[in-house]
Amino acid sequence: MTEPWNPTAPGVLTLPSGRLVRGRGLRHPLPEGPAPTYAVYLLGSRPPETAWESSWLPWPDFRLPTDRARASELLRDAWSRTLTDRVELACGGGRGRTGTALACLAVLDGIPPGEAVAYVREHYDRRAVETPWQRRYVRRFA
């Protein structure tokens, strides 16, 4: 098992089960500390190569994933990997798409879908999940 994220580090969200996941904006410098061991990049175009394993989920800014089935698959895999890996979810700014994906992980972790956005806003970023359709996506995620 990989050494986990520091739960008090910036961008690290502690899910109700105690699992840790880091949200990040790729337009910001890589935070100090350990690198992820797995990441899902939520971007409209292919992300740059990384030294760690990663997956790309095509997801235009302010929108929803272009392939909902693939999104569900990758987010479920990311949630599963939080048991053994340092998982990072990241988009350009680290709020809208990243917050939406983090809220979906919160749903997978047992938070009711109608409460997941509030949970992420309280524990990650108060401006996470930026659009009405992103909020609706979380409420319908199962």
N, C-alpha and C. Protein backbone atom coordinates (compact mmCIF):
# COMPACT_ATOMS: atom_id res chain seq x y z
N MET A 1 0.85 -1.19 0.00
CA MET A 1 0.00 0.00 0.00
C MET A 1 0.88 1.24 0.00
N THR A 2 0.47 2.24 -0.74
CA THR A 2 1.17 3.50 -0.85
C THR A 2 0.88 4.37 0.37
N GLU A 3 1.87 5.15 0.78
CA GLU A 3 1.64 6.12 1.86
C GLU A 3 0.51 7.05 1.44
N PRO A 4 -0.50 7.26 2.29
CA PRO A 4 -1.66 8.08 1.88
C PRO A 4 -1.33 9.57 1.85
N TRP A 5 -2.27 10.32 1.28
CA TRP A 5 -2.18 11.78 1.31
C TRP A 5 -2.19 12.24 2.76
N ASN A 6 -1.64 13.41 3.00
CA ASN A 6 -1.79 14.07 4.29
C ASN A 6 -3.21 14.66 4.30
N PRO A 7 -4.07 14.25 5.22
CA PRO A 7 -5.46 14.73 5.19
C PRO A 7 -5.60 16.22 5.41
N THR A 8 -4.58 16.89 5.92
CA THR A 8 -4.68 18.34 6.12
C THR A 8 -4.02 19.13 4.99
N ALA A 9 -3.48 18.44 3.99
CA ALA A 9 -2.83 19.13 2.87
C ALA A 9 -3.88 19.82 2.01
N PRO A 10 -3.52 20.93 1.40
CA PRO A 10 -4.47 21.65 0.53
C PRO A 10 -5.01 20.75 -0.58
N GLY A 11 -6.33 20.81 -0.78
CA GLY A 11 -6.95 20.06 -1.86
C GLY A 11 -7.32 18.63 -1.53
N VAL A 12 -6.90 18.14 -0.37
CA VAL A 12 -7.20 16.75 -0.02
C VAL A 12 -8.57 16.69 0.66
N LEU A 13 -9.44 15.88 0.09
CA LEU A 13 -10.79 15.69 0.62
C LEU A 13 -10.84 14.36 1.36
N THR A 14 -11.30 14.41 2.60
CA THR A 14 -11.53 13.19 3.36
C THR A 14 -12.99 12.80 3.19
N LEU A 15 -13.22 11.64 2.61
CA LEU A 15 -14.57 11.13 2.44
C LEU A 15 -15.07 10.56 3.77
N PRO A 16 -16.37 10.38 3.93
CA PRO A 16 -16.90 9.90 5.20
C PRO A 16 -16.27 8.60 5.69
N SER A 17 -15.87 7.72 4.78
CA SER A 17 -15.26 6.45 5.17
C SER A 17 -13.82 6.61 5.63
N GLY A 18 -13.26 7.82 5.45
CA GLY A 18 -11.85 8.05 5.78
C GLY A 18 -10.94 7.98 4.57
N ARG A 19 -11.47 7.56 3.43
CA ARG A 19 -10.66 7.54 2.21
C ARG A 19 -10.27 8.96 1.85
N LEU A 20 -9.08 9.11 1.25
CA LEU A 20 -8.57 10.43 0.88
C LEU A 20 -8.42 10.52 -0.63
N VAL A 21 -8.76 11.68 -1.18
CA VAL A 21 -8.59 11.96 -2.60
C VAL A 21 -8.21 13.42 -2.73
N ARG A 22 -7.30 13.71 -3.66
CA ARG A 22 -6.89 15.12 -3.84
C ARG A 22 -7.53 15.69 -5.09
N GLY A 23 -8.10 16.87 -4.96
CA GLY A 23 -8.59 17.64 -6.09
C GLY A 23 -7.56 18.71 -6.40
N ARG A 24 -7.46 19.05 -7.69
CA ARG A 24 -6.43 20.02 -8.07
C ARG A 24 -6.80 20.71 -9.36
N GLY A 25 -6.34 21.94 -9.50
CA GLY A 25 -6.43 22.67 -10.75
C GLY A 25 -5.09 22.59 -11.46
N LEU A 26 -5.10 22.13 -12.68
CA LEU A 26 -3.85 21.94 -13.42
C LEU A 26 -3.19 23.26 -13.83
N ARG A 27 -3.92 24.36 -13.76
CA ARG A 27 -3.31 25.66 -14.06
C ARG A 27 -2.47 26.17 -12.89
N HIS A 28 -2.52 25.46 -11.78
CA HIS A 28 -1.73 25.82 -10.60
C HIS A 28 -0.53 24.90 -10.51
N PRO A 29 0.52 25.32 -9.85
CA PRO A 29 1.70 24.44 -9.70
C PRO A 29 1.37 23.17 -8.94
N LEU A 30 2.10 22.13 -9.23
CA LEU A 30 1.95 20.87 -8.50
C LEU A 30 2.24 21.13 -7.03
N PRO A 31 1.33 20.74 -6.14
CA PRO A 31 1.56 20.98 -4.71
C PRO A 31 2.80 20.24 -4.19
N GLU A 32 3.37 20.78 -3.14
CA GLU A 32 4.49 20.09 -2.49
C GLU A 32 3.99 18.80 -1.87
N GLY A 33 4.91 17.89 -1.63
CA GLY A 33 4.55 16.62 -1.03
C GLY A 33 4.56 15.51 -2.06
N PRO A 34 4.04 14.36 -1.67
CA PRO A 34 4.09 13.21 -2.57
C PRO A 34 3.25 13.42 -3.82
N ALA A 35 3.68 12.81 -4.89
CA ALA A 35 2.94 12.86 -6.15
C ALA A 35 1.82 11.83 -6.10
N PRO A 36 0.81 12.01 -6.93
CA PRO A 36 -0.22 10.97 -7.00
C PRO A 36 0.38 9.67 -7.54
N THR A 37 -0.28 8.57 -7.24
CA THR A 37 0.09 7.31 -7.88
C THR A 37 -0.90 6.99 -8.99
N TYR A 38 -2.06 7.68 -8.97
CA TYR A 38 -3.06 7.54 -10.03
C TYR A 38 -3.85 8.84 -10.09
N ALA A 39 -4.17 9.27 -11.31
CA ALA A 39 -4.94 10.49 -11.49
C ALA A 39 -5.95 10.33 -12.61
N VAL A 40 -7.05 11.05 -12.49
CA VAL A 40 -8.04 11.16 -13.56
C VAL A 40 -8.08 12.64 -13.93
N TYR A 41 -7.80 12.93 -15.20
CA TYR A 41 -7.79 14.29 -15.70
C TYR A 41 -9.07 14.56 -16.48
N LEU A 42 -9.80 15.56 -16.02
CA LEU A 42 -11.13 15.90 -16.52
C LEU A 42 -10.98 17.13 -17.41
N LEU A 43 -10.65 16.91 -18.67
CA LEU A 43 -10.28 18.00 -19.57
C LEU A 43 -10.92 17.84 -20.93
N GLY A 44 -11.06 18.97 -21.62
CA GLY A 44 -11.59 18.96 -22.98
C GLY A 44 -10.59 18.46 -24.01
N SER A 45 -9.31 18.50 -23.67
CA SER A 45 -8.27 18.00 -24.58
C SER A 45 -7.28 17.14 -23.79
N ARG A 46 -6.53 16.34 -24.50
CA ARG A 46 -5.61 15.38 -23.87
C ARG A 46 -4.65 16.09 -22.92
N PRO A 47 -4.48 15.55 -21.71
CA PRO A 47 -3.56 16.16 -20.74
C PRO A 47 -2.11 15.84 -21.08
N PRO A 48 -1.19 16.59 -20.50
CA PRO A 48 0.23 16.27 -20.71
C PRO A 48 0.58 14.95 -20.04
N GLU A 49 1.66 14.34 -20.48
CA GLU A 49 2.14 13.10 -19.88
C GLU A 49 2.55 13.36 -18.43
N THR A 50 2.41 12.33 -17.59
CA THR A 50 2.80 12.43 -16.18
C THR A 50 3.71 11.26 -15.83
N ALA A 51 4.39 11.39 -14.71
CA ALA A 51 5.27 10.33 -14.23
C ALA A 51 4.48 9.24 -13.52
N TRP A 52 3.19 9.45 -13.27
CA TRP A 52 2.34 8.49 -12.59
C TRP A 52 1.26 8.01 -13.56
N GLU A 53 0.62 6.93 -13.19
CA GLU A 53 -0.46 6.39 -14.01
C GLU A 53 -1.63 7.38 -14.02
N SER A 54 -2.23 7.57 -15.18
CA SER A 54 -3.36 8.48 -15.25
C SER A 54 -4.32 8.05 -16.36
N SER A 55 -5.54 8.57 -16.25
CA SER A 55 -6.57 8.37 -17.26
C SER A 55 -7.12 9.73 -17.63
N TRP A 56 -7.54 9.84 -18.88
CA TRP A 56 -8.15 11.08 -19.35
C TRP A 56 -9.63 10.85 -19.57
N LEU A 57 -10.43 11.69 -18.94
CA LEU A 57 -11.87 11.68 -19.16
C LEU A 57 -12.23 12.95 -19.92
N PRO A 58 -12.57 12.85 -21.21
CA PRO A 58 -12.94 14.05 -21.97
C PRO A 58 -14.15 14.74 -21.31
N TRP A 59 -13.91 16.00 -20.90
CA TRP A 59 -14.94 16.74 -20.15
C TRP A 59 -14.69 18.23 -20.40
N PRO A 60 -15.42 18.85 -21.32
CA PRO A 60 -15.23 20.27 -21.61
C PRO A 60 -15.53 21.16 -20.39
N ASP A 61 -14.82 22.27 -20.30
CA ASP A 61 -14.99 23.22 -19.21
C ASP A 61 -16.45 23.67 -19.10
N PHE A 62 -16.97 23.73 -17.90
CA PHE A 62 -18.33 24.15 -17.57
C PHE A 62 -19.41 23.20 -18.09
N ARG A 63 -19.03 22.05 -18.57
CA ARG A 63 -19.98 21.10 -19.14
C ARG A 63 -20.01 19.81 -18.32
N LEU A 64 -20.41 18.74 -19.00
CA LEU A 64 -20.47 17.41 -18.41
C LEU A 64 -19.57 16.47 -19.21
N PRO A 65 -19.25 15.31 -18.67
CA PRO A 65 -18.41 14.37 -19.42
C PRO A 65 -19.06 14.02 -20.76
N THR A 66 -18.25 13.88 -21.79
CA THR A 66 -18.79 13.57 -23.11
C THR A 66 -19.26 12.12 -23.19
N ASP A 67 -18.74 11.24 -22.35
CA ASP A 67 -19.12 9.83 -22.33
C ASP A 67 -19.48 9.47 -20.88
N ARG A 68 -20.76 9.47 -20.58
CA ARG A 68 -21.22 9.27 -19.20
C ARG A 68 -20.87 7.87 -18.68
N ALA A 69 -20.92 6.86 -19.55
CA ALA A 69 -20.59 5.51 -19.11
C ALA A 69 -19.12 5.42 -18.73
N ARG A 70 -18.27 6.02 -19.55
CA ARG A 70 -16.82 6.03 -19.26
C ARG A 70 -16.57 6.82 -17.97
N ALA A 71 -17.28 7.93 -17.78
CA ALA A 71 -17.13 8.72 -16.55
C ALA A 71 -17.45 7.87 -15.33
N SER A 72 -18.56 7.16 -15.38
CA SER A 72 -18.94 6.31 -14.25
C SER A 72 -17.87 5.26 -13.99
N GLU A 73 -17.37 4.64 -15.05
CA GLU A 73 -16.32 3.62 -14.92
C GLU A 73 -15.06 4.18 -14.28
N LEU A 74 -14.59 5.33 -14.78
CA LEU A 74 -13.35 5.92 -14.25
C LEU A 74 -13.52 6.42 -12.82
N LEU A 75 -14.66 7.01 -12.51
CA LEU A 75 -14.87 7.52 -11.15
C LEU A 75 -15.01 6.37 -10.16
N ARG A 76 -15.67 5.29 -10.55
CA ARG A 76 -15.76 4.12 -9.68
C ARG A 76 -14.38 3.51 -9.45
N ASP A 77 -13.58 3.45 -10.51
CA ASP A 77 -12.22 2.93 -10.38
C ASP A 77 -11.38 3.84 -9.46
N ALA A 78 -11.51 5.16 -9.65
CA ALA A 78 -10.76 6.09 -8.80
C ALA A 78 -11.16 5.91 -7.34
N TRP A 79 -12.46 5.79 -7.07
CA TRP A 79 -12.92 5.58 -5.69
C TRP A 79 -12.34 4.29 -5.13
N SER A 80 -12.36 3.22 -5.90
CA SER A 80 -11.78 1.95 -5.44
C SER A 80 -10.30 2.08 -5.13
N ARG A 81 -9.59 2.81 -5.98
CA ARG A 81 -8.15 2.97 -5.81
C ARG A 81 -7.77 3.82 -4.60
N THR A 82 -8.71 4.58 -4.05
CA THR A 82 -8.38 5.38 -2.87
C THR A 82 -7.99 4.52 -1.68
N LEU A 83 -8.30 3.24 -1.74
CA LEU A 83 -7.91 2.32 -0.65
C LEU A 83 -6.41 2.05 -0.65
N THR A 84 -5.78 2.09 -1.83
CA THR A 84 -4.37 1.69 -1.94
C THR A 84 -3.47 2.72 -2.60
N ASP A 85 -4.05 3.70 -3.28
CA ASP A 85 -3.28 4.68 -4.05
C ASP A 85 -3.54 6.10 -3.56
N ARG A 86 -2.63 7.00 -3.95
CA ARG A 86 -2.87 8.44 -3.79
C ARG A 86 -3.56 8.89 -5.08
N VAL A 87 -4.86 9.07 -5.01
CA VAL A 87 -5.67 9.40 -6.19
C VAL A 87 -5.87 10.91 -6.26
N GLU A 88 -5.70 11.42 -7.47
CA GLU A 88 -5.92 12.85 -7.74
C GLU A 88 -6.96 12.97 -8.85
N LEU A 89 -7.90 13.89 -8.67
CA LEU A 89 -8.84 14.28 -9.72
C LEU A 89 -8.53 15.72 -10.05
N ALA A 90 -8.40 16.04 -11.33
CA ALA A 90 -7.98 17.41 -11.68
C ALA A 90 -8.57 17.87 -13.00
N CYS A 91 -8.91 19.15 -13.04
CA CYS A 91 -9.33 19.83 -14.26
C CYS A 91 -8.48 21.10 -14.35
N GLY A 92 -8.86 22.03 -15.20
CA GLY A 92 -8.07 23.24 -15.36
C GLY A 92 -7.99 24.09 -14.10
N GLY A 93 -9.15 24.43 -13.54
CA GLY A 93 -9.17 25.31 -12.38
C GLY A 93 -9.31 24.59 -11.05
N GLY A 94 -9.79 23.36 -11.07
CA GLY A 94 -9.91 22.58 -9.84
C GLY A 94 -11.22 22.78 -9.09
N ARG A 95 -12.22 23.39 -9.72
CA ARG A 95 -13.48 23.65 -9.02
C ARG A 95 -14.69 22.97 -9.64
N GLY A 96 -15.00 23.30 -10.88
CA GLY A 96 -16.23 22.81 -11.50
C GLY A 96 -16.22 21.32 -11.78
N ARG A 97 -15.40 20.91 -12.74
CA ARG A 97 -15.32 19.50 -13.11
C ARG A 97 -14.75 18.67 -11.97
N THR A 98 -13.69 19.19 -11.33
CA THR A 98 -13.08 18.46 -10.21
C THR A 98 -14.07 18.33 -9.07
N GLY A 99 -14.74 19.41 -8.71
CA GLY A 99 -15.74 19.36 -7.64
C GLY A 99 -16.87 18.40 -7.96
N THR A 100 -17.30 18.39 -9.21
CA THR A 100 -18.36 17.47 -9.63
C THR A 100 -17.90 16.03 -9.47
N ALA A 101 -16.69 15.74 -9.92
CA ALA A 101 -16.15 14.38 -9.80
C ALA A 101 -15.96 13.99 -8.33
N LEU A 102 -15.48 14.92 -7.51
CA LEU A 102 -15.33 14.64 -6.08
C LEU A 102 -16.69 14.36 -5.44
N ALA A 103 -17.71 15.10 -5.84
CA ALA A 103 -19.06 14.87 -5.30
C ALA A 103 -19.56 13.49 -5.71
N CYS A 104 -19.23 13.05 -6.92
CA CYS A 104 -19.61 11.69 -7.35
C CYS A 104 -18.90 10.65 -6.49
N LEU A 105 -17.63 10.87 -6.15
CA LEU A 105 -16.93 9.95 -5.25
C LEU A 105 -17.59 9.95 -3.87
N ALA A 106 -18.05 11.12 -3.42
CA ALA A 106 -18.75 11.19 -2.14
C ALA A 106 -20.03 10.35 -2.18
N VAL A 107 -20.74 10.37 -3.32
CA VAL A 107 -21.93 9.53 -3.48
C VAL A 107 -21.54 8.06 -3.38
N LEU A 108 -20.47 7.68 -4.08
CA LEU A 108 -20.00 6.29 -4.02
C LEU A 108 -19.61 5.90 -2.59
N ASP A 109 -19.19 6.88 -1.81
CA ASP A 109 -18.75 6.64 -0.43
C ASP A 109 -19.90 6.66 0.57
N GLY A 110 -21.12 6.87 0.08
CA GLY A 110 -22.28 6.79 0.96
C GLY A 110 -23.04 8.07 1.24
N ILE A 111 -22.55 9.20 0.76
CA ILE A 111 -23.29 10.46 0.94
C ILE A 111 -24.51 10.43 0.01
N PRO A 112 -25.70 10.78 0.49
CA PRO A 112 -26.86 10.83 -0.40
C PRO A 112 -26.60 11.82 -1.55
N PRO A 113 -27.01 11.47 -2.78
CA PRO A 113 -26.73 12.33 -3.93
C PRO A 113 -27.17 13.78 -3.76
N GLY A 114 -28.27 14.00 -3.06
CA GLY A 114 -28.74 15.37 -2.84
C GLY A 114 -27.90 16.18 -1.86
N GLU A 115 -26.98 15.51 -1.14
CA GLU A 115 -26.15 16.18 -0.15
C GLU A 115 -24.66 16.23 -0.55
N ALA A 116 -24.31 15.57 -1.63
CA ALA A 116 -22.90 15.43 -1.99
C ALA A 116 -22.24 16.75 -2.38
N VAL A 117 -22.94 17.62 -3.10
CA VAL A 117 -22.35 18.90 -3.49
C VAL A 117 -22.07 19.73 -2.24
N ALA A 118 -23.00 19.78 -1.31
CA ALA A 118 -22.78 20.53 -0.07
C ALA A 118 -21.60 19.97 0.70
N TYR A 119 -21.46 18.65 0.72
CA TYR A 119 -20.33 18.03 1.42
C TYR A 119 -19.00 18.47 0.81
N VAL A 120 -18.92 18.44 -0.51
CA VAL A 120 -17.68 18.83 -1.19
C VAL A 120 -17.41 20.32 -1.00
N ARG A 121 -18.45 21.13 -1.03
CA ARG A 121 -18.25 22.56 -0.81
C ARG A 121 -17.78 22.84 0.61
N GLU A 122 -18.25 22.08 1.56
CA GLU A 122 -17.84 22.29 2.95
C GLU A 122 -16.42 21.78 3.21
N HIS A 123 -16.06 20.67 2.60
CA HIS A 123 -14.79 20.02 2.94
C HIS A 123 -13.68 20.17 1.90
N TYR A 124 -14.00 20.71 0.71
CA TYR A 124 -12.98 20.86 -0.34
C TYR A 124 -12.86 22.32 -0.79
N ASP A 125 -13.90 22.85 -1.40
CA ASP A 125 -13.87 24.23 -1.91
C ASP A 125 -15.30 24.75 -1.94
N ARG A 126 -15.53 25.89 -1.32
CA ARG A 126 -16.90 26.43 -1.22
C ARG A 126 -17.51 26.78 -2.58
N ARG A 127 -16.66 26.88 -3.62
CA ARG A 127 -17.17 27.19 -4.96
C ARG A 127 -17.14 25.98 -5.89
N ALA A 128 -16.96 24.80 -5.33
CA ALA A 128 -16.92 23.57 -6.15
C ALA A 128 -18.29 23.31 -6.78
N VAL A 129 -18.28 22.69 -7.93
CA VAL A 129 -19.47 22.34 -8.71
C VAL A 129 -20.12 23.65 -9.16
N GLU A 130 -19.75 24.10 -10.34
CA GLU A 130 -20.06 25.47 -10.75
C GLU A 130 -21.38 25.69 -11.47
N THR A 131 -21.95 24.69 -12.09
CA THR A 131 -23.13 24.93 -12.93
C THR A 131 -24.33 24.11 -12.46
N PRO A 132 -25.53 24.55 -12.82
CA PRO A 132 -26.73 23.79 -12.46
C PRO A 132 -26.70 22.36 -13.03
N TRP A 133 -26.21 22.21 -14.25
CA TRP A 133 -26.19 20.87 -14.84
C TRP A 133 -25.14 19.99 -14.17
N GLN A 134 -24.07 20.55 -13.62
CA GLN A 134 -23.12 19.74 -12.84
C GLN A 134 -23.77 19.27 -11.54
N ARG A 135 -24.52 20.14 -10.89
CA ARG A 135 -25.24 19.75 -9.67
C ARG A 135 -26.26 18.65 -9.98
N ARG A 136 -26.98 18.80 -11.09
CA ARG A 136 -27.97 17.78 -11.48
C ARG A 136 -27.27 16.45 -11.80
N TYR A 137 -26.10 16.50 -12.43
CA TYR A 137 -25.33 15.29 -12.74
C TYR A 137 -25.00 14.52 -11.45
N VAL A 138 -24.58 15.24 -10.41
CA VAL A 138 -24.28 14.60 -9.14
C VAL A 138 -25.53 13.99 -8.53
N ARG A 139 -26.65 14.71 -8.55
CA ARG A 139 -27.89 14.19 -7.96
C ARG A 139 -28.34 12.90 -8.66
N ARG A 140 -28.01 12.77 -9.95
CA ARG A 140 -28.41 11.59 -10.72
C ARG A 140 -27.35 10.51 -10.77
N PHE A 141 -26.18 10.79 -10.18
CA PHE A 141 -25.10 9.81 -10.23
C PHE A 141 -25.38 8.67 -9.26
N ALA A 142 -25.27 7.46 -9.74
CA ALA A 142 -25.50 6.31 -8.87
C ALA A 142 -24.68 5.13 -9.34
